[in-house]
Amino acid sequence: MSRSYTPEFKKDALRYVKEHKGSIDLHTIADNLGVPYHTLYGWIKDERRIQRLSSAEKAEAEPRSAEELERENARLRRELRDKEDALEILKKAIGILND
């Protein structure tokens, strides 16, 4: 039977893992908390994923310098030019095949 855990318990369990990282094996921590190892490991993976997403969102939200924006603009213009060139080549190839 599946057991459900409160959000507070999960939060406390993750804090316990962080506090004892390196000093106690994760299997032992799971045993100490009375939680299956795979459940605890899943919570840790979820927490890491959430932290990665928040870090990426924070990085995107930070204002960028004019120099960074100009470099990005130049990169996008090059990419657009390359795509337009490829499209022209494909149009010419279709024209040759239709003749």
N, C-alpha and C. Protein backbone atom coordinates (compact mmCIF):
# COMPACT_ATOMS: atom_id res chain seq x y z
N MET A 1 0.84 -1.18 0.00
CA MET A 1 0.00 0.00 0.00
C MET A 1 0.88 1.24 0.00
N SER A 2 0.51 2.20 -0.80
CA SER A 2 1.27 3.43 -0.92
C SER A 2 0.99 4.35 0.26
N ARG A 3 2.03 4.93 0.79
CA ARG A 3 1.88 5.84 1.92
C ARG A 3 2.06 7.26 1.41
N SER A 4 1.25 8.20 1.88
CA SER A 4 1.44 9.59 1.47
C SER A 4 2.11 10.35 2.61
N TYR A 5 2.90 11.33 2.21
CA TYR A 5 3.65 12.13 3.17
C TYR A 5 3.23 13.58 3.02
N THR A 6 3.21 14.29 4.12
CA THR A 6 2.83 15.70 4.07
C THR A 6 3.95 16.51 3.43
N PRO A 7 3.61 17.65 2.84
CA PRO A 7 4.65 18.52 2.28
C PRO A 7 5.68 18.94 3.34
N GLU A 8 5.22 19.13 4.58
CA GLU A 8 6.14 19.51 5.65
C GLU A 8 7.14 18.40 5.93
N PHE A 9 6.66 17.15 5.91
CA PHE A 9 7.55 16.02 6.14
C PHE A 9 8.60 15.94 5.03
N LYS A 10 8.16 16.10 3.78
CA LYS A 10 9.10 16.07 2.66
C LYS A 10 10.15 17.17 2.79
N LYS A 11 9.67 18.37 3.15
CA LYS A 11 10.59 19.51 3.31
C LYS A 11 11.60 19.23 4.41
N ASP A 12 11.13 18.70 5.53
CA ASP A 12 12.02 18.37 6.64
C ASP A 12 12.99 17.25 6.26
N ALA A 13 12.50 16.28 5.51
CA ALA A 13 13.37 15.18 5.08
C ALA A 13 14.47 15.70 4.17
N LEU A 14 14.13 16.59 3.24
CA LEU A 14 15.15 17.15 2.35
C LEU A 14 16.16 18.00 3.11
N ARG A 15 15.68 18.73 4.11
CA ARG A 15 16.59 19.52 4.95
C ARG A 15 17.54 18.59 5.71
N TYR A 16 17.00 17.48 6.22
CA TYR A 16 17.81 16.49 6.94
C TYR A 16 18.88 15.91 6.02
N VAL A 17 18.50 15.62 4.78
CA VAL A 17 19.47 15.09 3.81
C VAL A 17 20.58 16.11 3.58
N LYS A 18 20.22 17.39 3.39
CA LYS A 18 21.22 18.43 3.15
C LYS A 18 22.16 18.60 4.34
N GLU A 19 21.58 18.55 5.55
CA GLU A 19 22.38 18.73 6.75
C GLU A 19 23.36 17.59 6.98
N HIS A 20 23.03 16.39 6.53
CA HIS A 20 23.87 15.22 6.78
C HIS A 20 24.55 14.71 5.52
N LYS A 21 24.54 15.53 4.47
CA LYS A 21 25.16 15.12 3.20
C LYS A 21 26.65 14.83 3.43
N GLY A 22 27.06 13.68 3.00
CA GLY A 22 28.47 13.30 3.12
C GLY A 22 28.79 12.57 4.42
N SER A 23 28.00 12.79 5.46
CA SER A 23 28.30 12.13 6.73
C SER A 23 27.45 10.88 6.95
N ILE A 24 26.27 10.84 6.34
CA ILE A 24 25.41 9.67 6.48
C ILE A 24 24.97 9.22 5.09
N ASP A 25 25.01 7.92 4.87
CA ASP A 25 24.59 7.33 3.60
C ASP A 25 23.10 7.57 3.38
N LEU A 26 22.71 7.77 2.14
CA LEU A 26 21.31 8.04 1.82
C LEU A 26 20.39 6.88 2.22
N HIS A 27 20.88 5.65 2.11
CA HIS A 27 20.08 4.50 2.55
C HIS A 27 19.82 4.57 4.05
N THR A 28 20.82 4.98 4.81
CA THR A 28 20.68 5.10 6.26
C THR A 28 19.70 6.21 6.61
N ILE A 29 19.80 7.33 5.89
CA ILE A 29 18.88 8.45 6.12
C ILE A 29 17.45 7.99 5.87
N ALA A 30 17.24 7.27 4.77
CA ALA A 30 15.90 6.77 4.45
C ALA A 30 15.39 5.86 5.57
N ASP A 31 16.26 4.98 6.06
CA ASP A 31 15.87 4.09 7.16
C ASP A 31 15.54 4.90 8.42
N ASN A 32 16.37 5.91 8.72
CA ASN A 32 16.14 6.75 9.90
C ASN A 32 14.79 7.47 9.82
N LEU A 33 14.41 7.88 8.61
CA LEU A 33 13.16 8.61 8.44
C LEU A 33 11.95 7.69 8.26
N GLY A 34 12.22 6.41 8.03
CA GLY A 34 11.13 5.46 7.80
C GLY A 34 10.50 5.62 6.42
N VAL A 35 11.33 6.02 5.48
CA VAL A 35 10.87 6.26 4.11
C VAL A 35 11.62 5.30 3.19
N PRO A 36 10.96 4.72 2.20
CA PRO A 36 11.69 3.89 1.24
C PRO A 36 12.76 4.72 0.54
N TYR A 37 13.91 4.08 0.27
CA TYR A 37 15.04 4.77 -0.37
C TYR A 37 14.62 5.44 -1.67
N HIS A 38 13.89 4.72 -2.51
CA HIS A 38 13.52 5.26 -3.83
C HIS A 38 12.58 6.46 -3.71
N THR A 39 11.77 6.49 -2.68
CA THR A 39 10.89 7.64 -2.45
C THR A 39 11.73 8.86 -2.09
N LEU A 40 12.65 8.68 -1.16
CA LEU A 40 13.52 9.78 -0.74
C LEU A 40 14.36 10.26 -1.92
N TYR A 41 14.90 9.33 -2.69
CA TYR A 41 15.71 9.70 -3.84
C TYR A 41 14.87 10.47 -4.86
N GLY A 42 13.62 10.09 -5.05
CA GLY A 42 12.74 10.81 -5.96
C GLY A 42 12.50 12.23 -5.50
N TRP A 43 12.34 12.43 -4.20
CA TRP A 43 12.16 13.78 -3.67
C TRP A 43 13.40 14.63 -3.93
N ILE A 44 14.57 14.03 -3.77
CA ILE A 44 15.83 14.75 -3.99
C ILE A 44 15.93 15.14 -5.46
N LYS A 45 15.61 14.20 -6.36
CA LYS A 45 15.66 14.50 -7.80
C LYS A 45 14.69 15.62 -8.15
N ASP A 46 13.50 15.57 -7.60
CA ASP A 46 12.51 16.63 -7.87
C ASP A 46 13.02 17.98 -7.38
N GLU A 47 13.61 18.01 -6.21
CA GLU A 47 14.14 19.25 -5.64
C GLU A 47 15.25 19.82 -6.52
N ARG A 48 16.13 18.96 -7.01
CA ARG A 48 17.22 19.41 -7.89
C ARG A 48 16.67 19.98 -9.18
N ARG A 49 15.64 19.31 -9.74
CA ARG A 49 15.03 19.78 -10.98
C ARG A 49 14.41 21.15 -10.77
N ILE A 50 13.72 21.34 -9.67
CA ILE A 50 13.09 22.62 -9.36
C ILE A 50 14.15 23.70 -9.20
N GLN A 51 15.26 23.38 -8.54
CA GLN A 51 16.34 24.36 -8.35
C GLN A 51 16.97 24.74 -9.68
N ARG A 52 17.15 23.72 -10.57
CA ARG A 52 17.73 24.02 -11.89
C ARG A 52 16.81 24.94 -12.68
N LEU A 53 15.52 24.67 -12.64
CA LEU A 53 14.56 25.50 -13.36
C LEU A 53 14.55 26.92 -12.80
N SER A 54 14.56 27.05 -11.47
CA SER A 54 14.56 28.39 -10.90
C SER A 54 15.84 29.13 -11.23
N SER A 55 16.97 28.43 -11.28
CA SER A 55 18.23 29.08 -11.64
C SER A 55 18.19 29.57 -13.07
N ALA A 56 17.64 28.77 -13.96
CA ALA A 56 17.54 29.17 -15.37
C ALA A 56 16.61 30.36 -15.52
N GLU A 57 15.50 30.37 -14.79
CA GLU A 57 14.58 31.49 -14.86
C GLU A 57 15.22 32.76 -14.32
N LYS A 58 15.99 32.65 -13.24
CA LYS A 58 16.67 33.81 -12.69
C LYS A 58 17.69 34.36 -13.68
N ALA A 59 18.42 33.47 -14.35
CA ALA A 59 19.42 33.91 -15.32
C ALA A 59 18.76 34.64 -16.47
N GLU A 60 17.60 34.15 -16.92
CA GLU A 60 16.89 34.81 -18.01
C GLU A 60 16.32 36.14 -17.59
N ALA A 61 15.96 36.27 -16.33
CA ALA A 61 15.34 37.49 -15.84
C ALA A 61 16.35 38.60 -15.58
N GLU A 62 17.62 38.26 -15.44
CA GLU A 62 18.63 39.27 -15.16
C GLU A 62 18.82 40.18 -16.37
N PRO A 63 18.92 41.48 -16.14
CA PRO A 63 19.14 42.39 -17.26
C PRO A 63 20.50 42.13 -17.91
N ARG A 64 20.53 42.23 -19.22
CA ARG A 64 21.78 41.98 -19.94
C ARG A 64 22.35 43.30 -20.43
N SER A 65 23.66 43.31 -20.58
CA SER A 65 24.32 44.54 -21.01
C SER A 65 24.05 44.77 -22.49
N ALA A 66 24.29 45.99 -22.94
CA ALA A 66 24.08 46.34 -24.34
C ALA A 66 25.00 45.51 -25.23
N GLU A 67 26.21 45.22 -24.74
CA GLU A 67 27.16 44.42 -25.51
C GLU A 67 26.64 43.00 -25.70
N GLU A 68 26.08 42.41 -24.64
CA GLU A 68 25.52 41.06 -24.74
C GLU A 68 24.33 41.03 -25.70
N LEU A 69 23.50 42.04 -25.62
CA LEU A 69 22.34 42.12 -26.51
C LEU A 69 22.79 42.28 -27.97
N GLU A 70 23.81 43.07 -28.20
CA GLU A 70 24.32 43.26 -29.56
C GLU A 70 24.90 41.96 -30.12
N ARG A 71 25.64 41.22 -29.28
CA ARG A 71 26.18 39.93 -29.73
C ARG A 71 25.05 38.95 -30.07
N GLU A 72 24.03 38.92 -29.23
CA GLU A 72 22.90 38.04 -29.48
C GLU A 72 22.18 38.46 -30.77
N ASN A 73 22.03 39.74 -30.98
CA ASN A 73 21.39 40.25 -32.18
C ASN A 73 22.20 39.85 -33.42
N ALA A 74 23.51 39.99 -33.36
CA ALA A 74 24.37 39.62 -34.49
C ALA A 74 24.27 38.12 -34.76
N ARG A 75 24.24 37.31 -33.71
CA ARG A 75 24.12 35.87 -33.88
C ARG A 75 22.80 35.51 -34.54
N LEU A 76 21.74 36.15 -34.10
CA LEU A 76 20.43 35.87 -34.69
C LEU A 76 20.35 36.32 -36.15
N ARG A 77 21.00 37.44 -36.48
CA ARG A 77 21.03 37.89 -37.88
C ARG A 77 21.78 36.91 -38.76
N ARG A 78 22.92 36.39 -38.25
CA ARG A 78 23.68 35.38 -39.01
C ARG A 78 22.84 34.13 -39.21
N GLU A 79 22.17 33.71 -38.16
CA GLU A 79 21.34 32.51 -38.24
C GLU A 79 20.21 32.71 -39.26
N LEU A 80 19.58 33.88 -39.24
CA LEU A 80 18.51 34.18 -40.20
C LEU A 80 19.05 34.18 -41.62
N ARG A 81 20.22 34.79 -41.82
CA ARG A 81 20.83 34.82 -43.16
C ARG A 81 21.11 33.41 -43.65
N ASP A 82 21.64 32.56 -42.78
CA ASP A 82 21.93 31.17 -43.15
C ASP A 82 20.64 30.42 -43.54
N LYS A 83 19.58 30.65 -42.78
CA LYS A 83 18.30 29.99 -43.08
C LYS A 83 17.74 30.49 -44.41
N GLU A 84 17.86 31.79 -44.65
CA GLU A 84 17.38 32.35 -45.91
C GLU A 84 18.17 31.79 -47.09
N ASP A 85 19.48 31.66 -46.93
CA ASP A 85 20.32 31.07 -47.99
C ASP A 85 19.91 29.63 -48.27
N ALA A 86 19.67 28.88 -47.21
CA ALA A 86 19.26 27.48 -47.39
C ALA A 86 17.90 27.41 -48.09
N LEU A 87 17.00 28.31 -47.75
CA LEU A 87 15.70 28.33 -48.39
C LEU A 87 15.82 28.64 -49.88
N GLU A 88 16.68 29.60 -50.25
CA GLU A 88 16.89 29.94 -51.66
C GLU A 88 17.44 28.74 -52.44
N ILE A 89 18.36 28.03 -51.84
CA ILE A 89 18.94 26.85 -52.49
C ILE A 89 17.85 25.80 -52.72
N LEU A 90 17.01 25.58 -51.70
CA LEU A 90 15.92 24.61 -51.84
C LEU A 90 14.93 25.04 -52.92
N LYS A 91 14.62 26.33 -53.01
CA LYS A 91 13.72 26.81 -54.04
C LYS A 91 14.29 26.56 -55.43
N LYS A 92 15.59 26.81 -55.59
CA LYS A 92 16.24 26.57 -56.88
C LYS A 92 16.24 25.08 -57.22
N ALA A 93 16.47 24.24 -56.21
CA ALA A 93 16.47 22.80 -56.45
C ALA A 93 15.09 22.32 -56.87
N ILE A 94 14.05 22.85 -56.24
CA ILE A 94 12.69 22.47 -56.62
C ILE A 94 12.40 22.92 -58.04
N GLY A 95 12.88 24.12 -58.40
CA GLY A 95 12.68 24.63 -59.76
C GLY A 95 13.35 23.75 -60.80
N ILE A 96 14.55 23.26 -60.49
CA ILE A 96 15.28 22.38 -61.42
C ILE A 96 14.53 21.06 -61.56
N LEU A 97 14.03 20.54 -60.44
CA LEU A 97 13.33 19.24 -60.49
C LEU A 97 11.99 19.36 -61.24
N ASN A 98 11.36 20.51 -61.18
CA ASN A 98 10.07 20.69 -61.85
C ASN A 98 10.21 20.92 -63.35
N ASP A 99 11.40 21.25 -63.82
CA ASP A 99 11.60 21.50 -65.26
C ASP A 99 11.70 20.25 -66.05
